Amino acid sequence: MKYLIKQYFVLFVITCVGIYGCSDSDIMYYEGGNALHFMKLRQGLSFMTNMEAEKDTMFIKVLLVGNPVNVEREFAVEVVSDSNTTATSDQYRIVKATVPANDTIGTLALEVCNPEFLNIEESTLKLKLAVKDNEYFKAGGWLNYVTIQLTWTTDLVQPETWNAMRYFFTSKYSSNVYRAIIASTGLTEFWYYDPDPETGYRLDQYEGWVYGKKFADWVREYNRTHDDVYRHDDGAYKGEEIIPIY
């Protein structure tokens, strides 16, 4: 028994020496090639708050699974031509698709045309894109997010940060809820759980309470000055009264 204990102890010491004896040059880095995938499955843009603009730009993030390098690299995308794409090539333009030097997050800048200024009946346009292999990157990575559904419209689209909004404003979503949030706070997104991807700013809980109270006051003032209460106008709760949390 003592012999076995002694043998295990020796093996333990050898293992520890091996681990602590590694230098920085011995560390194994990812060597499976460079792959890219989108960071979400869908993204939308509404011209509702900027109706006079003939064009706007969507910024779509991609994630590099591999090793960053010290030069900027372009990545490629292609249109998926199925029922999820209604936009024609003259209604959008890829401005830039790059992964910056020494970074693992890339951006696709897509300029889109306001449907209001196009000679079409549709108020909403859709475009499905897929990451395409090129000389720098392959499509793939940790998640099966190699395609993304993009939508731009003159109507309202549910904001990306609704899951945060619902804890400060009201628990049920409709276009009227979003209109009231914009009217009462001036916000189109509510970066509480995640930082604003453009500025890096994240709202704190106190700010959430303040904005929630502004929304509630706006709804109560509407109810006071109208013959009917403020109601959901579409979606699963159409016709129901909008009840603020605060």
C-alpha atoms as a PDB file:
ATOM      1  CA  MET A   1       0.000   0.000   0.000  1.00  0.00           C
ATOM      2  CA  LYS A   2       2.826   2.378   0.913  1.00  0.00           C
ATOM      3  CA  TYR A   3       4.475   1.534  -2.413  1.00  0.00           C
ATOM      4  CA  LEU A   4       1.354   2.559  -4.373  1.00  0.00           C
ATOM      5  CA  ILE A   5       1.049   5.827  -2.474  1.00  0.00           C
ATOM      6  CA  LYS A   6       4.691   6.585  -3.188  1.00  0.00           C
ATOM      7  CA  GLN A   7       4.231   5.854  -6.904  1.00  0.00           C
ATOM      8  CA  TYR A   8       1.184   8.182  -7.142  1.00  0.00           C
ATOM      9  CA  PHE A   9       3.098  10.921  -5.337  1.00  0.00           C
ATOM     10  CA  VAL A  10       6.001  10.708  -7.793  1.00  0.00           C
ATOM     11  CA  LEU A  11       3.602  10.825 -10.737  1.00  0.00           C
ATOM     12  CA  PHE A  12       1.902  13.897  -9.234  1.00  0.00           C
ATOM     13  CA  VAL A  13       5.228  15.728  -8.825  1.00  0.00           C
ATOM     14  CA  ILE A  14       6.288  14.953 -12.402  1.00  0.00           C
ATOM     15  CA  THR A  15       2.956  16.282 -13.717  1.00  0.00           C
ATOM     16  CA  CYS A  16       3.253  19.506 -11.718  1.00  0.00           C
ATOM     17  CA  VAL A  17       6.813  20.117 -12.903  1.00  0.00           C
ATOM     18  CA  GLY A  18       5.681  19.605 -16.483  1.00  0.00           C
ATOM     19  CA  ILE A  19       2.860  22.110 -16.138  1.00  0.00           C
ATOM     20  CA  TYR A  20       4.847  24.851 -14.415  1.00  0.00           C
ATOM     21  CA  GLY A  21       7.848  24.285 -16.650  1.00  0.00           C
ATOM     22  CA  CYS A  22       5.998  25.403 -19.765  1.00  0.00           C
ATOM     23  CA  SER A  23       7.069  28.745 -21.160  1.00  0.00           C
ATOM     24  CA  ASP A  24       4.863  31.195 -23.064  1.00  0.00           C
ATOM     25  CA  SER A  25       6.159  29.718 -26.292  1.00  0.00           C
ATOM     26  CA  ASP A  26       4.747  26.314 -25.294  1.00  0.00           C
ATOM     27  CA  ILE A  27       1.140  27.534 -25.036  1.00  0.00           C
ATOM     28  CA  MET A  28      -1.063  25.978 -27.713  1.00  0.00           C
ATOM     29  CA  TYR A  29      -3.154  28.452 -29.714  1.00  0.00           C
ATOM     30  CA  TYR A  30      -6.138  27.753 -31.914  1.00  0.00           C
ATOM     31  CA  GLU A  31      -4.853  26.404 -35.220  1.00  0.00           C
ATOM     32  CA  GLY A  32      -8.051  25.169 -36.879  1.00  0.00           C
ATOM     33  CA  GLY A  33      -8.138  27.874 -39.532  1.00  0.00           C
ATOM     34  CA  ASN A  34     -10.103  31.124 -39.528  1.00  0.00           C
ATOM     35  CA  ALA A  35     -13.884  30.916 -39.619  1.00  0.00           C
ATOM     36  CA  LEU A  36     -16.609  33.551 -39.401  1.00  0.00           C
ATOM     37  CA  HIS A  37     -20.234  33.514 -38.369  1.00  0.00           C
ATOM     38  CA  PHE A  38     -22.839  36.190 -37.631  1.00  0.00           C
ATOM     39  CA  MET A  39     -23.523  37.077 -34.004  1.00  0.00           C
ATOM     40  CA  LYS A  40     -27.304  36.848 -34.381  1.00  0.00           C
ATOM     41  CA  LEU A  41     -29.835  35.228 -36.699  1.00  0.00           C
ATOM     42  CA  ARG A  42     -31.858  38.323 -37.562  1.00  0.00           C
ATOM     43  CA  GLN A  43     -31.595  42.105 -37.418  1.00  0.00           C
ATOM     44  CA  GLY A  44     -33.972  44.902 -38.335  1.00  0.00           C
ATOM     45  CA  LEU A  45     -33.952  48.637 -39.040  1.00  0.00           C
ATOM     46  CA  SER A  46     -36.905  51.015 -39.019  1.00  0.00           C
ATOM     47  CA  PHE A  47     -37.100  54.351 -40.830  1.00  0.00           C
ATOM     48  CA  MET A  48     -40.016  55.293 -38.540  1.00  0.00           C
ATOM     49  CA  THR A  49     -37.824  57.623 -36.492  1.00  0.00           C
ATOM     50  CA  ASN A  50     -36.039  59.021 -39.552  1.00  0.00           C
ATOM     51  CA  MET A  51     -38.706  59.117 -42.248  1.00  0.00           C
ATOM     52  CA  GLU A  52     -37.016  61.873 -44.274  1.00  0.00           C
ATOM     53  CA  ALA A  53     -33.856  59.849 -44.837  1.00  0.00           C
ATOM     54  CA  GLU A  54     -33.580  58.289 -48.276  1.00  0.00           C
ATOM     55  CA  LYS A  55     -30.954  55.828 -46.998  1.00  0.00           C
ATOM     56  CA  ASP A  56     -29.601  54.458 -43.746  1.00  0.00           C
ATOM     57  CA  THR A  57     -26.872  52.018 -42.756  1.00  0.00           C
ATOM     58  CA  MET A  58     -27.164  48.735 -40.906  1.00  0.00           C
ATOM     59  CA  PHE A  59     -24.111  47.490 -39.011  1.00  0.00           C
ATOM     60  CA  ILE A  60     -24.047  43.690 -38.748  1.00  0.00           C
ATOM     61  CA  LYS A  61     -21.491  42.053 -36.478  1.00  0.00           C
ATOM     62  CA  VAL A  62     -19.551  38.859 -37.235  1.00  0.00           C
ATOM     63  CA  LEU A  63     -17.343  36.801 -34.913  1.00  0.00           C
ATOM     64  CA  LEU A  64     -13.934  35.455 -35.865  1.00  0.00           C
ATOM     65  CA  VAL A  65     -13.185  31.935 -34.643  1.00  0.00           C
ATOM     66  CA  GLY A  66      -9.438  31.808 -35.078  1.00  0.00           C
ATOM     67  CA  ASN A  67      -6.435  34.027 -34.501  1.00  0.00           C
ATOM     68  CA  PRO A  68      -6.491  37.808 -35.030  1.00  0.00           C
ATOM     69  CA  VAL A  69      -3.684  39.291 -37.136  1.00  0.00           C
ATOM     70  CA  ASN A  70      -2.190  42.765 -37.331  1.00  0.00           C
ATOM     71  CA  VAL A  71      -3.835  43.752 -40.623  1.00  0.00           C
ATOM     72  CA  GLU A  72      -7.441  44.438 -41.593  1.00  0.00           C
ATOM     73  CA  ARG A  73      -9.052  41.645 -43.602  1.00  0.00           C
ATOM     74  CA  GLU A  74     -12.144  41.613 -45.801  1.00  0.00           C
ATOM     75  CA  PHE A  75     -14.773  38.902 -45.541  1.00  0.00           C
ATOM     76  CA  ALA A  76     -17.361  37.898 -48.138  1.00  0.00           C
ATOM     77  CA  VAL A  77     -21.120  37.388 -48.049  1.00  0.00           C
ATOM     78  CA  GLU A  78     -23.642  36.248 -50.627  1.00  0.00           C
ATOM     79  CA  VAL A  79     -27.390  36.680 -51.060  1.00  0.00           C
ATOM     80  CA  VAL A  80     -29.609  33.719 -50.293  1.00  0.00           C
ATOM     81  CA  SER A  81     -32.188  33.875 -53.079  1.00  0.00           C
ATOM     82  CA  ASP A  82     -35.291  32.381 -51.502  1.00  0.00           C
ATOM     83  CA  SER A  83     -38.594  33.639 -50.098  1.00  0.00           C
ATOM     84  CA  ASN A  84     -36.688  35.375 -47.287  1.00  0.00           C
ATOM     85  CA  THR A  85     -35.169  37.836 -49.772  1.00  0.00           C
ATOM     86  CA  THR A  86     -37.488  40.404 -51.354  1.00  0.00           C
ATOM     87  CA  ALA A  87     -35.022  43.274 -51.819  1.00  0.00           C
ATOM     88  CA  THR A  88     -33.406  43.743 -55.212  1.00  0.00           C
ATOM     89  CA  SER A  89     -29.744  44.606 -55.684  1.00  0.00           C
ATOM     90  CA  ASP A  90     -30.504  48.276 -56.408  1.00  0.00           C
ATOM     91  CA  GLN A  91     -32.200  48.670 -52.999  1.00  0.00           C
ATOM     92  CA  TYR A  92     -29.109  48.041 -50.891  1.00  0.00           C
ATOM     93  CA  ARG A  93     -25.319  48.321 -51.100  1.00  0.00           C
ATOM     94  CA  ILE A  94     -22.533  46.644 -49.158  1.00  0.00           C
ATOM     95  CA  VAL A  95     -20.299  49.500 -48.026  1.00  0.00           C
ATOM     96  CA  LYS A  96     -17.689  47.495 -46.167  1.00  0.00           C
ATOM     97  CA  ALA A  97     -17.180  44.003 -44.742  1.00  0.00           C
ATOM     98  CA  THR A  98     -14.008  43.760 -42.670  1.00  0.00           C
ATOM     99  CA  VAL A  99     -12.448  42.350 -39.528  1.00  0.00           C
ATOM    100  CA  PRO A 100     -10.141  45.037 -38.075  1.00  0.00           C
ATOM    101  CA  ALA A 101      -6.525  44.365 -37.245  1.00  0.00           C
ATOM    102  CA  ASN A 102      -5.946  42.594 -33.919  1.00  0.00           C
ATOM    103  CA  ASP A 103      -9.662  42.028 -33.378  1.00  0.00           C
ATOM    104  CA  THR A 104     -12.104  39.116 -33.376  1.00  0.00           C
ATOM    105  CA  ILE A 105     -15.241  41.164 -34.117  1.00  0.00           C
ATOM    106  CA  GLY A 106     -15.906  42.284 -37.690  1.00  0.00           C
ATOM    107  CA  THR A 107     -18.601  44.475 -39.178  1.00  0.00           C
ATOM    108  CA  LEU A 108     -20.663  44.396 -42.333  1.00  0.00           C
ATOM    109  CA  ALA A 109     -21.895  47.902 -43.193  1.00  0.00           C
ATOM    110  CA  LEU A 110     -25.000  47.645 -45.380  1.00  0.00           C
ATOM    111  CA  GLU A 111     -26.552  50.786 -46.852  1.00  0.00           C
ATOM    112  CA  VAL A 112     -30.300  50.321 -47.407  1.00  0.00           C
ATOM    113  CA  CYS A 113     -32.865  52.438 -49.258  1.00  0.00           C
ATOM    114  CA  ASN A 114     -35.962  53.792 -47.537  1.00  0.00           C
ATOM    115  CA  PRO A 115     -38.968  51.988 -49.109  1.00  0.00           C
ATOM    116  CA  GLU A 116     -40.902  55.271 -48.870  1.00  0.00           C
ATOM    117  CA  PHE A 117     -38.699  56.763 -51.622  1.00  0.00           C
ATOM    118  CA  LEU A 118     -38.862  53.721 -53.897  1.00  0.00           C
ATOM    119  CA  ASN A 119     -41.540  53.185 -56.506  1.00  0.00           C
ATOM    120  CA  ILE A 120     -42.855  50.072 -54.762  1.00  0.00           C
ATOM    121  CA  GLU A 121     -45.925  49.115 -52.768  1.00  0.00           C
ATOM    122  CA  GLU A 122     -44.017  47.258 -50.055  1.00  0.00           C
ATOM    123  CA  SER A 123     -43.197  49.061 -46.823  1.00  0.00           C
ATOM    124  CA  THR A 124     -40.828  46.309 -45.701  1.00  0.00           C
ATOM    125  CA  LEU A 125     -37.861  44.795 -47.536  1.00  0.00           C
ATOM    126  CA  LYS A 126     -36.005  41.618 -46.593  1.00  0.00           C
ATOM    127  CA  LEU A 127     -32.550  40.321 -47.388  1.00  0.00           C
ATOM    128  CA  LYS A 128     -31.025  37.017 -46.317  1.00  0.00           C
ATOM    129  CA  LEU A 129     -27.232  36.886 -46.381  1.00  0.00           C
ATOM    130  CA  ALA A 130     -24.755  34.063 -45.857  1.00  0.00           C
ATOM    131  CA  VAL A 131     -21.058  34.195 -44.998  1.00  0.00           C
ATOM    132  CA  LYS A 132     -19.069  33.041 -48.017  1.00  0.00           C
ATOM    133  CA  ASP A 133     -15.589  31.500 -48.078  1.00  0.00           C
ATOM    134  CA  ASN A 134     -12.791  33.740 -49.309  1.00  0.00           C
ATOM    135  CA  GLU A 135      -8.993  33.797 -49.115  1.00  0.00           C
ATOM    136  CA  TYR A 136      -9.031  34.852 -45.453  1.00  0.00           C
ATOM    137  CA  PHE A 137     -12.028  33.156 -43.849  1.00  0.00           C
ATOM    138  CA  LYS A 138     -14.324  30.183 -44.136  1.00  0.00           C
ATOM    139  CA  ALA A 139     -17.994  30.194 -43.225  1.00  0.00           C
ATOM    140  CA  GLY A 140     -18.546  28.493 -39.890  1.00  0.00           C
ATOM    141  CA  GLY A 141     -17.250  28.542 -36.346  1.00  0.00           C
ATOM    142  CA  TRP A 142     -18.737  27.808 -32.951  1.00  0.00           C
ATOM    143  CA  LEU A 143     -22.374  28.550 -33.828  1.00  0.00           C
ATOM    144  CA  ASN A 144     -24.502  27.683 -36.829  1.00  0.00           C
ATOM    145  CA  TYR A 145     -25.021  31.388 -37.554  1.00  0.00           C
ATOM    146  CA  VAL A 146     -23.671  31.471 -41.095  1.00  0.00           C
ATOM    147  CA  THR A 147     -26.853  33.172 -42.373  1.00  0.00           C
ATOM    148  CA  ILE A 148     -28.726  36.223 -41.141  1.00  0.00           C
ATOM    149  CA  GLN A 149     -32.185  37.614 -41.944  1.00  0.00           C
ATOM    150  CA  LEU A 150     -32.153  41.403 -42.422  1.00  0.00           C
ATOM    151  CA  THR A 151     -35.276  43.563 -42.547  1.00  0.00           C
ATOM    152  CA  TRP A 152     -35.749  47.288 -43.081  1.00  0.00           C
ATOM    153  CA  THR A 153     -39.098  49.025 -43.071  1.00  0.00           C
ATOM    154  CA  THR A 154     -41.056  52.261 -42.781  1.00  0.00           C
ATOM    155  CA  ASP A 155     -43.062  50.549 -40.034  1.00  0.00           C
ATOM    156  CA  LEU A 156     -41.864  49.853 -36.536  1.00  0.00           C
ATOM    157  CA  VAL A 157     -39.853  46.725 -35.841  1.00  0.00           C
ATOM    158  CA  GLN A 158     -39.408  45.240 -32.386  1.00  0.00           C
ATOM    159  CA  PRO A 159     -36.172  46.655 -30.937  1.00  0.00           C
ATOM    160  CA  GLU A 160     -33.196  44.385 -30.342  1.00  0.00           C
ATOM    161  CA  THR A 161     -33.238  45.269 -26.644  1.00  0.00           C
ATOM    162  CA  TRP A 162     -36.905  44.501 -25.941  1.00  0.00           C
ATOM    163  CA  ASN A 163     -35.939  41.869 -23.327  1.00  0.00           C
ATOM    164  CA  ALA A 164     -34.465  44.691 -21.239  1.00  0.00           C
ATOM    165  CA  MET A 165     -37.290  47.141 -21.981  1.00  0.00           C
ATOM    166  CA  ARG A 166     -39.957  44.735 -20.753  1.00  0.00           C
ATOM    167  CA  TYR A 167     -38.603  44.890 -17.187  1.00  0.00           C
ATOM    168  CA  PHE A 168     -38.813  48.676 -16.964  1.00  0.00           C
ATOM    169  CA  PHE A 169     -41.688  49.746 -19.226  1.00  0.00           C
ATOM    170  CA  THR A 170     -44.361  47.067 -19.674  1.00  0.00           C
ATOM    171  CA  SER A 171     -44.310  43.299 -20.010  1.00  0.00           C
ATOM    172  CA  LYS A 172     -46.244  42.955 -23.289  1.00  0.00           C
ATOM    173  CA  TYR A 173     -45.030  44.209 -26.678  1.00  0.00           C
ATOM    174  CA  SER A 174     -46.870  45.976 -29.499  1.00  0.00           C
ATOM    175  CA  SER A 175     -46.082  48.786 -31.917  1.00  0.00           C
ATOM    176  CA  ASN A 176     -47.994  51.214 -29.678  1.00  0.00           C
ATOM    177  CA  VAL A 177     -45.749  50.249 -26.756  1.00  0.00           C
ATOM    178  CA  TYR A 178     -42.674  51.031 -28.815  1.00  0.00           C
ATOM    179  CA  ARG A 179     -44.183  54.323 -30.013  1.00  0.00           C
ATOM    180  CA  ALA A 180     -44.805  55.354 -26.410  1.00  0.00           C
ATOM    181  CA  ILE A 181     -41.249  54.405 -25.379  1.00  0.00           C
ATOM    182  CA  ILE A 182     -39.809  56.544 -28.178  1.00  0.00           C
ATOM    183  CA  ALA A 183     -42.190  59.441 -27.473  1.00  0.00           C
ATOM    184  CA  SER A 184     -41.600  59.446 -23.703  1.00  0.00           C
ATOM    185  CA  THR A 185     -37.866  58.742 -23.521  1.00  0.00           C
ATOM    186  CA  GLY A 186     -36.410  59.451 -26.964  1.00  0.00           C
ATOM    187  CA  LEU A 187     -34.830  55.984 -26.908  1.00  0.00           C
ATOM    188  CA  THR A 188     -35.093  53.495 -29.757  1.00  0.00           C
ATOM    189  CA  GLU A 189     -32.962  50.872 -27.965  1.00  0.00           C
ATOM    190  CA  PHE A 190     -32.399  50.165 -24.273  1.00  0.00           C
ATOM    191  CA  TRP A 191     -28.824  48.959 -23.711  1.00  0.00           C
ATOM    192  CA  TYR A 192     -29.117  47.573 -20.177  1.00  0.00           C
ATOM    193  CA  TYR A 193     -27.915  43.953 -20.313  1.00  0.00           C
ATOM    194  CA  ASP A 194     -25.395  44.656 -23.065  1.00  0.00           C
ATOM    195  CA  PRO A 195     -23.449  47.842 -23.857  1.00  0.00           C
ATOM    196  CA  ASP A 196     -24.350  49.961 -26.854  1.00  0.00           C
ATOM    197  CA  PRO A 197     -22.259  48.438 -29.675  1.00  0.00           C
ATOM    198  CA  GLU A 198     -21.515  51.884 -31.072  1.00  0.00           C
ATOM    199  CA  THR A 199     -20.673  53.813 -27.873  1.00  0.00           C
ATOM    200  CA  GLY A 200     -19.966  51.096 -25.310  1.00  0.00           C
ATOM    201  CA  TYR A 201     -22.384  52.772 -22.838  1.00  0.00           C
ATOM    202  CA  ARG A 202     -24.633  50.636 -20.645  1.00  0.00           C
ATOM    203  CA  LEU A 203     -27.659  51.950 -18.747  1.00  0.00           C
ATOM    204  CA  ASP A 204     -27.798  51.264 -15.017  1.00  0.00           C
ATOM    205  CA  GLN A 205     -30.793  50.254 -12.913  1.00  0.00           C
ATOM    206  CA  TYR A 206     -31.445  53.789 -11.658  1.00  0.00           C
ATOM    207  CA  GLU A 207     -31.630  55.105 -15.226  1.00  0.00           C
ATOM    208  CA  GLY A 208     -34.002  52.238 -16.014  1.00  0.00           C
ATOM    209  CA  TRP A 209     -36.331  53.331 -13.230  1.00  0.00           C
ATOM    210  CA  VAL A 210     -36.245  56.946 -14.418  1.00  0.00           C
ATOM    211  CA  TYR A 211     -37.071  55.997 -18.011  1.00  0.00           C
ATOM    212  CA  GLY A 212     -39.733  53.553 -16.805  1.00  0.00           C
ATOM    213  CA  LYS A 213     -41.426  56.351 -14.827  1.00  0.00           C
ATOM    214  CA  LYS A 214     -41.327  58.650 -17.868  1.00  0.00           C
ATOM    215  CA  PHE A 215     -43.055  55.962 -19.930  1.00  0.00           C
ATOM    216  CA  ALA A 216     -45.668  55.386 -17.229  1.00  0.00           C
ATOM    217  CA  ASP A 217     -46.377  59.122 -16.916  1.00  0.00           C
ATOM    218  CA  TRP A 218     -46.776  59.368 -20.700  1.00  0.00           C
ATOM    219  CA  VAL A 219     -49.331  56.528 -20.755  1.00  0.00           C
ATOM    220  CA  ARG A 220     -51.249  57.966 -17.776  1.00  0.00           C
ATOM    221  CA  GLU A 221     -51.361  61.393 -19.430  1.00  0.00           C
ATOM    222  CA  TYR A 222     -52.682  59.789 -22.627  1.00  0.00           C
ATOM    223  CA  ASN A 223     -55.388  57.987 -20.662  1.00  0.00           C
ATOM    224  CA  ARG A 224     -56.342  61.212 -18.879  1.00  0.00           C
ATOM    225  CA  THR A 225     -56.698  63.250 -22.075  1.00  0.00           C
ATOM    226  CA  HIS A 226     -58.414  60.698 -24.338  1.00  0.00           C
ATOM    227  CA  ASP A 227     -61.796  59.022 -24.354  1.00  0.00           C
ATOM    228  CA  ASP A 228     -60.236  55.553 -24.284  1.00  0.00           C
ATOM    229  CA  VAL A 229     -57.148  54.143 -22.591  1.00  0.00           C
ATOM    230  CA  TYR A 230     -53.924  53.524 -24.500  1.00  0.00           C
ATOM    231  CA  ARG A 231     -54.122  50.042 -26.020  1.00  0.00           C
ATOM    232  CA  HIS A 232     -51.983  47.524 -27.899  1.00  0.00           C
ATOM    233  CA  ASP A 233     -52.621  48.020 -31.617  1.00  0.00           C
ATOM    234  CA  ASP A 234     -51.157  44.806 -33.043  1.00  0.00           C
ATOM    235  CA  GLY A 235     -49.596  41.477 -32.134  1.00  0.00           C
ATOM    236  CA  ALA A 236     -50.822  38.910 -29.646  1.00  0.00           C
ATOM    237  CA  TYR A 237     -52.260  41.524 -27.252  1.00  0.00           C
ATOM    238  CA  LYS A 238     -54.115  43.708 -29.764  1.00  0.00           C
ATOM    239  CA  GLY A 239     -56.954  45.577 -28.067  1.00  0.00           C
ATOM    240  CA  GLU A 240     -55.677  45.082 -24.515  1.00  0.00           C
ATOM    241  CA  GLU A 241     -54.907  48.068 -22.283  1.00  0.00           C
ATOM    242  CA  ILE A 242     -51.198  48.891 -21.987  1.00  0.00           C
ATOM    243  CA  ILE A 243     -50.246  48.637 -18.311  1.00  0.00           C
ATOM    244  CA  PRO A 244     -46.973  50.376 -17.282  1.00  0.00           C
ATOM    245  CA  ILE A 245     -44.790  48.701 -14.659  1.00  0.00           C
ATOM    246  CA  TYR A 246     -44.265  51.964 -12.765  1.00  0.00           C
END
